[in-house]
Amino acid sequence: EVKRDFRKHFIDFFNDSKSCEFEFYKCKLTTLKEYESIITKNFKSLNGKCYVNMENELILAKHIEDTIVKSILDEFELMTELK
């Protein structure tokens, strides 16, 4: 129960644009092999900013002041909310 409540509050925080200074993007690619390729190619820019969720989607957490090259962001789509 504690784990579930913590997760809910954590997700609620990140979905609140007034409190959170991050934007989340889901990778348009779909396989772990493709994820490995994009991460390897852009390691310096993406290091510490990505994770693979339980649905095996590569998620990028971008701080609003972070400048990530457009060519990298073109591989991702903005998420309206975390689930």
PDB file of N, CA and C in Angstrom:
ATOM      1  N   GLU A   1       0.828  -1.194   0.000  1.00  0.00           N
ATOM      2  CA  GLU A   1       0.000   0.000   0.000  1.00  0.00           C
ATOM      3  C   GLU A   1       0.877   1.265   0.000  1.00  0.00           C
ATOM      4  N   VAL A   2       1.925   1.267   0.788  1.00  0.00           N
ATOM      5  CA  VAL A   2       2.829   2.418   0.852  1.00  0.00           C
ATOM      6  C   VAL A   2       3.472   2.647  -0.511  1.00  0.00           C
ATOM      7  N   LYS A   3       3.902   1.562  -1.136  1.00  0.00           N
ATOM      8  CA  LYS A   3       4.533   1.661  -2.459  1.00  0.00           C
ATOM      9  C   LYS A   3       3.553   2.250  -3.476  1.00  0.00           C
ATOM     10  N   ARG A   4       2.308   1.788  -3.452  1.00  0.00           N
ATOM     11  CA  ARG A   4       1.279   2.280  -4.373  1.00  0.00           C
ATOM     12  C   ARG A   4       1.009   3.770  -4.143  1.00  0.00           C
ATOM     13  N   ASP A   5       0.876   4.168  -2.879  1.00  0.00           N
ATOM     14  CA  ASP A   5       0.625   5.579  -2.557  1.00  0.00           C
ATOM     15  C   ASP A   5       1.797   6.462  -2.973  1.00  0.00           C
ATOM     16  N   PHE A   6       3.020   6.000  -2.702  1.00  0.00           N
ATOM     17  CA  PHE A   6       4.205   6.759  -3.087  1.00  0.00           C
ATOM     18  C   PHE A   6       4.231   6.956  -4.596  1.00  0.00           C
ATOM     19  N   ARG A   7       3.979   5.873  -5.341  1.00  0.00           N
ATOM     20  CA  ARG A   7       3.987   5.947  -6.806  1.00  0.00           C
ATOM     21  C   ARG A   7       2.937   6.937  -7.304  1.00  0.00           C
ATOM     22  N   LYS A   8       1.735   6.888  -6.714  1.00  0.00           N
ATOM     23  CA  LYS A   8       0.668   7.797  -7.135  1.00  0.00           C
ATOM     24  C   LYS A   8       1.067   9.256  -6.909  1.00  0.00           C
ATOM     25  N   HIS A   9       1.606   9.573  -5.740  1.00  0.00           N
ATOM     26  CA  HIS A   9       2.024  10.954  -5.453  1.00  0.00           C
ATOM     27  C   HIS A   9       3.184  11.379  -6.349  1.00  0.00           C
ATOM     28  N   PHE A  10       4.076  10.466  -6.602  1.00  0.00           N
ATOM     29  CA  PHE A  10       5.218  10.722  -7.474  1.00  0.00           C
ATOM     30  C   PHE A  10       4.740  11.081  -8.882  1.00  0.00           C
ATOM     31  N   ILE A  11       3.836  10.289  -9.429  1.00  0.00           N
ATOM     32  CA  ILE A  11       3.296  10.527 -10.772  1.00  0.00           C
ATOM     33  C   ILE A  11       2.460  11.804 -10.793  1.00  0.00           C
ATOM     34  N   ASP A  12       1.656  12.026  -9.761  1.00  0.00           N
ATOM     35  CA  ASP A  12       0.863  13.263  -9.689  1.00  0.00           C
ATOM     36  C   ASP A  12       1.765  14.493  -9.726  1.00  0.00           C
ATOM     37  N   PHE A  13       2.891  14.440  -9.010  1.00  0.00           N
ATOM     38  CA  PHE A  13       3.833  15.561  -9.012  1.00  0.00           C
ATOM     39  C   PHE A  13       4.355  15.825 -10.421  1.00  0.00           C
ATOM     40  N   PHE A  14       4.797  14.774 -11.106  1.00  0.00           N
ATOM     41  CA  PHE A  14       5.367  14.957 -12.438  1.00  0.00           C
ATOM     42  C   PHE A  14       4.321  15.347 -13.483  1.00  0.00           C
ATOM     43  N   ASN A  15       3.065  15.050 -13.232  1.00  0.00           N
ATOM     44  CA  ASN A  15       2.006  15.447 -14.159  1.00  0.00           C
ATOM     45  C   ASN A  15       1.506  16.873 -13.908  1.00  0.00           C
ATOM     46  N   ASP A  16       1.948  17.498 -12.825  1.00  0.00           N
ATOM     47  CA  ASP A  16       1.538  18.866 -12.496  1.00  0.00           C
ATOM     48  C   ASP A  16       2.565  19.851 -13.054  1.00  0.00           C
ATOM     49  N   SER A  17       2.229  20.484 -14.161  1.00  0.00           N
ATOM     50  CA  SER A  17       3.184  21.372 -14.841  1.00  0.00           C
ATOM     51  C   SER A  17       3.561  22.592 -13.996  1.00  0.00           C
ATOM     52  N   LYS A  18       2.750  22.944 -13.003  1.00  0.00           N
ATOM     53  CA  LYS A  18       3.073  24.086 -12.143  1.00  0.00           C
ATOM     54  C   LYS A  18       4.163  23.735 -11.127  1.00  0.00           C
ATOM     55  N   SER A  19       4.207  22.488 -10.703  1.00  0.00           N
ATOM     56  CA  SER A  19       5.187  22.051  -9.706  1.00  0.00           C
ATOM     57  C   SER A  19       6.438  21.457 -10.333  1.00  0.00           C
ATOM     58  N   CYS A  20       6.252  20.778 -11.421  1.00  0.00           N
ATOM     59  CA  CYS A  20       7.336  20.013 -12.037  1.00  0.00           C
ATOM     60  C   CYS A  20       7.962  20.791 -13.187  1.00  0.00           C
ATOM     61  N   GLU A  21       9.261  20.776 -13.258  1.00  0.00           N
ATOM     62  CA  GLU A  21       9.959  21.488 -14.330  1.00  0.00           C
ATOM     63  C   GLU A  21      10.515  20.520 -15.370  1.00  0.00           C
ATOM     64  N   PHE A  22       9.844  19.387 -15.527  1.00  0.00           N
ATOM     65  CA  PHE A  22      10.266  18.392 -16.506  1.00  0.00           C
ATOM     66  C   PHE A  22       9.165  18.144 -17.523  1.00  0.00           C
ATOM     67  N   GLU A  23       9.599  17.822 -18.728  1.00  0.00           N
ATOM     68  CA  GLU A  23       8.702  17.348 -19.780  1.00  0.00           C
ATOM     69  C   GLU A  23       9.120  15.912 -20.068  1.00  0.00           C
ATOM     70  N   PHE A  24       8.144  15.076 -20.371  1.00  0.00           N
ATOM     71  CA  PHE A  24       8.431  13.673 -20.632  1.00  0.00           C
ATOM     72  C   PHE A  24       8.090  13.339 -22.075  1.00  0.00           C
ATOM     73  N   TYR A  25       8.968  12.581 -22.677  1.00  0.00           N
ATOM     74  CA  TYR A  25       8.834  12.198 -24.075  1.00  0.00           C
ATOM     75  C   TYR A  25       8.937  10.689 -24.188  1.00  0.00           C
ATOM     76  N   LYS A  26       8.134  10.115 -25.084  1.00  0.00           N
ATOM     77  CA  LYS A  26       8.184   8.680 -25.359  1.00  0.00           C
ATOM     78  C   LYS A  26       8.857   8.479 -26.702  1.00  0.00           C
ATOM     79  N   CYS A  27       9.781   7.545 -26.752  1.00  0.00           N
ATOM     80  CA  CYS A  27      10.514   7.276 -27.984  1.00  0.00           C
ATOM     81  C   CYS A  27       9.581   6.685 -29.036  1.00  0.00           C
ATOM     82  N   LYS A  28       9.731   7.144 -30.272  1.00  0.00           N
ATOM     83  CA  LYS A  28       8.932   6.632 -31.383  1.00  0.00           C
ATOM     84  C   LYS A  28       9.407   5.245 -31.811  1.00  0.00           C
ATOM     85  N   LEU A  29      10.663   4.918 -31.505  1.00  0.00           N
ATOM     86  CA  LEU A  29      11.182   3.585 -31.795  1.00  0.00           C
ATOM     87  C   LEU A  29      10.560   2.610 -30.803  1.00  0.00           C
ATOM     88  N   THR A  30      10.593   1.307 -31.105  1.00  0.00           N
ATOM     89  CA  THR A  30       9.828   0.399 -30.253  1.00  0.00           C
ATOM     90  C   THR A  30      10.585  -0.798 -29.694  1.00  0.00           C
ATOM     91  N   THR A  31      11.799  -1.050 -30.147  1.00  0.00           N
ATOM     92  CA  THR A  31      12.492  -2.243 -29.651  1.00  0.00           C
ATOM     93  C   THR A  31      13.696  -1.865 -28.795  1.00  0.00           C
ATOM     94  N   LEU A  32      14.077  -2.769 -27.914  1.00  0.00           N
ATOM     95  CA  LEU A  32      15.238  -2.521 -27.064  1.00  0.00           C
ATOM     96  C   LEU A  32      16.496  -2.328 -27.900  1.00  0.00           C
ATOM     97  N   LYS A  33      16.602  -3.027 -29.007  1.00  0.00           N
ATOM     98  CA  LYS A  33      17.753  -2.884 -29.910  1.00  0.00           C
ATOM     99  C   LYS A  33      17.805  -1.458 -30.468  1.00  0.00           C
ATOM    100  N   GLU A  34      16.650  -0.926 -30.874  1.00  0.00           N
ATOM    101  CA  GLU A  34      16.590   0.453 -31.380  1.00  0.00           C
ATOM    102  C   GLU A  34      16.903   1.453 -30.265  1.00  0.00           C
ATOM    103  N   TYR A  35      16.405   1.175 -29.055  1.00  0.00           N
ATOM    104  CA  TYR A  35      16.699   2.049 -27.917  1.00  0.00           C
ATOM    105  C   TYR A  35      18.204   2.090 -27.666  1.00  0.00           C
ATOM    106  N   GLU A  36      18.819   0.917 -27.702  1.00  0.00           N
ATOM    107  CA  GLU A  36      20.264   0.829 -27.472  1.00  0.00           C
ATOM    108  C   GLU A  36      21.020   1.681 -28.484  1.00  0.00           C
ATOM    109  N   SER A  37      20.580   1.649 -29.721  1.00  0.00           N
ATOM    110  CA  SER A  37      21.234   2.411 -30.783  1.00  0.00           C
ATOM    111  C   SER A  37      21.142   3.918 -30.527  1.00  0.00           C
ATOM    112  N   ILE A  38      19.953   4.407 -30.217  1.00  0.00           N
ATOM    113  CA  ILE A  38      19.784   5.851 -30.004  1.00  0.00           C
ATOM    114  C   ILE A  38      20.522   6.312 -28.746  1.00  0.00           C
ATOM    115  N   ILE A  39      20.524   5.492 -27.693  1.00  0.00           N
ATOM    116  CA  ILE A  39      21.230   5.851 -26.458  1.00  0.00           C
ATOM    117  C   ILE A  39      22.737   5.863 -26.696  1.00  0.00           C
ATOM    118  N   THR A  40      23.242   4.854 -27.383  1.00  0.00           N
ATOM    119  CA  THR A  40      24.680   4.782 -27.660  1.00  0.00           C
ATOM    120  C   THR A  40      25.134   5.963 -28.507  1.00  0.00           C
ATOM    121  N   LYS A  41      24.363   6.267 -29.530  1.00  0.00           N
ATOM    122  CA  LYS A  41      24.719   7.352 -30.449  1.00  0.00           C
ATOM    123  C   LYS A  41      24.680   8.728 -29.766  1.00  0.00           C
ATOM    124  N   ASN A  42      23.810   8.883 -28.781  1.00  0.00           N
ATOM    125  CA  ASN A  42      23.608  10.188 -28.124  1.00  0.00           C
ATOM    126  C   ASN A  42      23.870  10.118 -26.621  1.00  0.00           C
ATOM    127  N   PHE A  43      24.834   9.292 -26.235  1.00  0.00           N
ATOM    128  CA  PHE A  43      25.053   9.010 -24.815  1.00  0.00           C
ATOM    129  C   PHE A  43      25.260  10.268 -23.973  1.00  0.00           C
ATOM    130  N   LYS A  44      26.086  11.178 -24.428  1.00  0.00           N
ATOM    131  CA  LYS A  44      26.374  12.386 -23.634  1.00  0.00           C
ATOM    132  C   LYS A  44      25.114  13.207 -23.373  1.00  0.00           C
ATOM    133  N   SER A  45      24.256  13.318 -24.363  1.00  0.00           N
ATOM    134  CA  SER A  45      23.034  14.121 -24.218  1.00  0.00           C
ATOM    135  C   SER A  45      21.962  13.419 -23.399  1.00  0.00           C
ATOM    136  N   LEU A  46      21.920  12.084 -23.455  1.00  0.00           N
ATOM    137  CA  LEU A  46      20.826  11.341 -22.832  1.00  0.00           C
ATOM    138  C   LEU A  46      21.195  10.665 -21.516  1.00  0.00           C
ATOM    139  N   ASN A  47      22.459  10.679 -21.151  1.00  0.00           N
ATOM    140  CA  ASN A  47      22.916  10.003 -19.940  1.00  0.00           C
ATOM    141  C   ASN A  47      22.157  10.506 -18.710  1.00  0.00           C
ATOM    142  N   GLY A  48      21.507   9.590 -18.007  1.00  0.00           N
ATOM    143  CA  GLY A  48      20.774   9.930 -16.792  1.00  0.00           C
ATOM    144  C   GLY A  48      19.411  10.544 -17.022  1.00  0.00           C
ATOM    145  N   LYS A  49      18.965  10.611 -18.266  1.00  0.00           N
ATOM    146  CA  LYS A  49      17.690  11.271 -18.575  1.00  0.00           C
ATOM    147  C   LYS A  49      16.641  10.315 -19.132  1.00  0.00           C
ATOM    148  N   CYS A  50      17.001   9.032 -19.282  1.00  0.00           N
ATOM    149  CA  CYS A  50      16.086   8.071 -19.904  1.00  0.00           C
ATOM    150  C   CYS A  50      15.884   6.854 -19.015  1.00  0.00           C
ATOM    151  N   TYR A  51      14.738   6.235 -19.177  1.00  0.00           N
ATOM    152  CA  TYR A  51      14.477   4.942 -18.549  1.00  0.00           C
ATOM    153  C   TYR A  51      13.481   4.186 -19.412  1.00  0.00           C
ATOM    154  N   VAL A  52      13.440   2.880 -19.236  1.00  0.00           N
ATOM    155  CA  VAL A  52      12.453   2.046 -19.917  1.00  0.00           C
ATOM    156  C   VAL A  52      11.410   1.679 -18.870  1.00  0.00           C
ATOM    157  N   ASN A  53      10.144   2.019 -19.161  1.00  0.00           N
ATOM    158  CA  ASN A  53       9.077   1.768 -18.188  1.00  0.00           C
ATOM    159  C   ASN A  53       8.599   0.315 -18.251  1.00  0.00           C
ATOM    160  N   MET A  54       7.578  -0.010 -17.465  1.00  0.00           N
ATOM    161  CA  MET A  54       7.078  -1.389 -17.395  1.00  0.00           C
ATOM    162  C   MET A  54       6.455  -1.846 -18.709  1.00  0.00           C
ATOM    163  N   GLU A  55       6.084  -0.913 -19.568  1.00  0.00           N
ATOM    164  CA  GLU A  55       5.515  -1.256 -20.877  1.00  0.00           C
ATOM    165  C   GLU A  55       6.606  -1.347 -21.951  1.00  0.00           C
ATOM    166  N   ASN A  56       7.869  -1.330 -21.529  1.00  0.00           N
ATOM    167  CA  ASN A  56       9.032  -1.372 -22.433  1.00  0.00           C
ATOM    168  C   ASN A  56       9.080  -0.188 -23.392  1.00  0.00           C
ATOM    169  N   GLU A  57       8.652   0.981 -22.916  1.00  0.00           N
ATOM    170  CA  GLU A  57       8.756   2.215 -23.698  1.00  0.00           C
ATOM    171  C   GLU A  57       9.946   3.008 -23.161  1.00  0.00           C
ATOM    172  N   LEU A  58      10.737   3.566 -24.065  1.00  0.00           N
ATOM    173  CA  LEU A  58      11.859   4.406 -23.654  1.00  0.00           C
ATOM    174  C   LEU A  58      11.327   5.805 -23.374  1.00  0.00           C
ATOM    175  N   ILE A  59      11.509   6.272 -22.145  1.00  0.00           N
ATOM    176  CA  ILE A  59      11.007   7.570 -21.716  1.00  0.00           C
ATOM    177  C   ILE A  59      12.186   8.507 -21.474  1.00  0.00           C
ATOM    178  N   LEU A  60      12.070   9.716 -21.994  1.00  0.00           N
ATOM    179  CA  LEU A  60      13.070  10.763 -21.798  1.00  0.00           C
ATOM    180  C   LEU A  60      12.479  11.815 -20.868  1.00  0.00           C
ATOM    181  N   ALA A  61      13.185  12.113 -19.784  1.00  0.00           N
ATOM    182  CA  ALA A  61      12.794  13.181 -18.865  1.00  0.00           C
ATOM    183  C   ALA A  61      13.680  14.380 -19.163  1.00  0.00           C
ATOM    184  N   LYS A  62      13.083  15.449 -19.669  1.00  0.00           N
ATOM    185  CA  LYS A  62      13.841  16.632 -20.086  1.00  0.00           C
ATOM    186  C   LYS A  62      13.463  17.811 -19.199  1.00  0.00           C
ATOM    187  N   HIS A  63      14.454  18.378 -18.522  1.00  0.00           N
ATOM    188  CA  HIS A  63      14.217  19.584 -17.730  1.00  0.00           C
ATOM    189  C   HIS A  63      13.885  20.719 -18.694  1.00  0.00           C
ATOM    190  N   ILE A  64      12.994  21.610 -18.293  1.00  0.00           N
ATOM    191  CA  ILE A  64      12.543  22.663 -19.212  1.00  0.00           C
ATOM    192  C   ILE A  64      13.677  23.568 -19.675  1.00  0.00           C
ATOM    193  N   GLU A  65      14.758  23.655 -18.889  1.00  0.00           N
ATOM    194  CA  GLU A  65      15.887  24.489 -19.300  1.00  0.00           C
ATOM    195  C   GLU A  65      16.959  23.704 -20.052  1.00  0.00           C
ATOM    196  N   ASP A  66      16.790  22.405 -20.148  1.00  0.00           N
ATOM    197  CA  ASP A  66      17.770  21.555 -20.831  1.00  0.00           C
ATOM    198  C   ASP A  66      17.647  21.734 -22.340  1.00  0.00           C
ATOM    199  N   THR A  67      18.764  21.856 -23.000  1.00  0.00           N
ATOM    200  CA  THR A  67      18.749  22.002 -24.457  1.00  0.00           C
ATOM    201  C   THR A  67      19.221  20.699 -25.085  1.00  0.00           C
ATOM    202  N   ILE A  68      18.277  19.923 -25.535  1.00  0.00           N
ATOM    203  CA  ILE A  68      18.583  18.668 -26.227  1.00  0.00           C
ATOM    204  C   ILE A  68      18.414  18.928 -27.713  1.00  0.00           C
ATOM    205  N   VAL A  69      19.376  18.469 -28.470  1.00  0.00           N
ATOM    206  CA  VAL A  69      19.401  18.706 -29.913  1.00  0.00           C
ATOM    207  C   VAL A  69      18.098  18.236 -30.557  1.00  0.00           C
ATOM    208  N   LYS A  70      17.580  19.041 -31.481  1.00  0.00           N
ATOM    209  CA  LYS A  70      16.315  18.738 -32.159  1.00  0.00           C
ATOM    210  C   LYS A  70      16.336  17.375 -32.835  1.00  0.00           C
ATOM    211  N   SER A  71      17.466  16.998 -33.421  1.00  0.00           N
ATOM    212  CA  SER A  71      17.535  15.705 -34.108  1.00  0.00           C
ATOM    213  C   SER A  71      17.286  14.541 -33.146  1.00  0.00           C
ATOM    214  N   ILE A  72      17.662  14.713 -31.881  1.00  0.00           N
ATOM    215  CA  ILE A  72      17.372  13.680 -30.881  1.00  0.00           C
ATOM    216  C   ILE A  72      15.889  13.723 -30.530  1.00  0.00           C
ATOM    217  N   LEU A  73      15.367  14.919 -30.262  1.00  0.00           N
ATOM    218  CA  LEU A  73      13.950  15.044 -29.890  1.00  0.00           C
ATOM    219  C   LEU A  73      13.018  14.583 -31.004  1.00  0.00           C
ATOM    220  N   ASP A  74      13.479  14.626 -32.242  1.00  0.00           N
ATOM    221  CA  ASP A  74      12.658  14.146 -33.359  1.00  0.00           C
ATOM    222  C   ASP A  74      12.345  12.659 -33.232  1.00  0.00           C
ATOM    223  N   GLU A  75      13.148  11.931 -32.456  1.00  0.00           N
ATOM    224  CA  GLU A  75      12.928  10.495 -32.240  1.00  0.00           C
ATOM    225  C   GLU A  75      11.918  10.232 -31.125  1.00  0.00           C
ATOM    226  N   PHE A  76      11.429  11.300 -30.493  1.00  0.00           N
ATOM    227  CA  PHE A  76      10.529  11.187 -29.346  1.00  0.00           C
ATOM    228  C   PHE A  76       9.263  12.004 -29.590  1.00  0.00           C
ATOM    229  N   GLU A  77       8.206  11.657 -28.845  1.00  0.00           N
ATOM    230  CA  GLU A  77       6.979  12.452 -28.883  1.00  0.00           C
ATOM    231  C   GLU A  77       6.622  12.867 -27.459  1.00  0.00           C
ATOM    232  N   LEU A  78       6.176  14.108 -27.315  1.00  0.00           N
ATOM    233  CA  LEU A  78       5.818  14.652 -26.008  1.00  0.00           C
ATOM    234  C   LEU A  78       4.659  13.862 -25.413  1.00  0.00           C
ATOM    235  N   MET A  79       4.789  13.526 -24.148  1.00  0.00           N
ATOM    236  CA  MET A  79       3.713  12.814 -23.448  1.00  0.00           C
ATOM    237  C   MET A  79       2.854  13.847 -22.723  1.00  0.00           C
ATOM    238  N   THR A  80       1.549  13.663 -22.759  1.00  0.00           N
ATOM    239  CA  THR A  80       0.665  14.592 -22.063  1.00  0.00           C
ATOM    240  C   THR A  80       0.598  14.285 -20.577  1.00  0.00           C
ATOM    241  N   GLU A  81       0.802  13.016 -20.207  1.00  0.00           N
ATOM    242  CA  GLU A  81       0.847  12.655 -18.795  1.00  0.00           C
ATOM    243  C   GLU A  81       1.510  11.301 -18.608  1.00  0.00           C
ATOM    244  N   LEU A  82       2.110  11.139 -17.446  1.00  0.00           N
ATOM    245  CA  LEU A  82       2.673   9.845 -17.070  1.00  0.00           C
ATOM    246  C   LEU A  82       1.556   8.996 -16.495  1.00  0.00           C
ATOM    247  N   LYS A  83       1.706   7.705 -16.630  1.00  0.00           N
ATOM    248  CA  LYS A  83       0.684   6.788 -16.082  1.00  0.00           C
ATOM    249  C   LYS A  83       1.287   5.882 -15.047  1.00  0.00           C
TER     250      LYS A  83
END
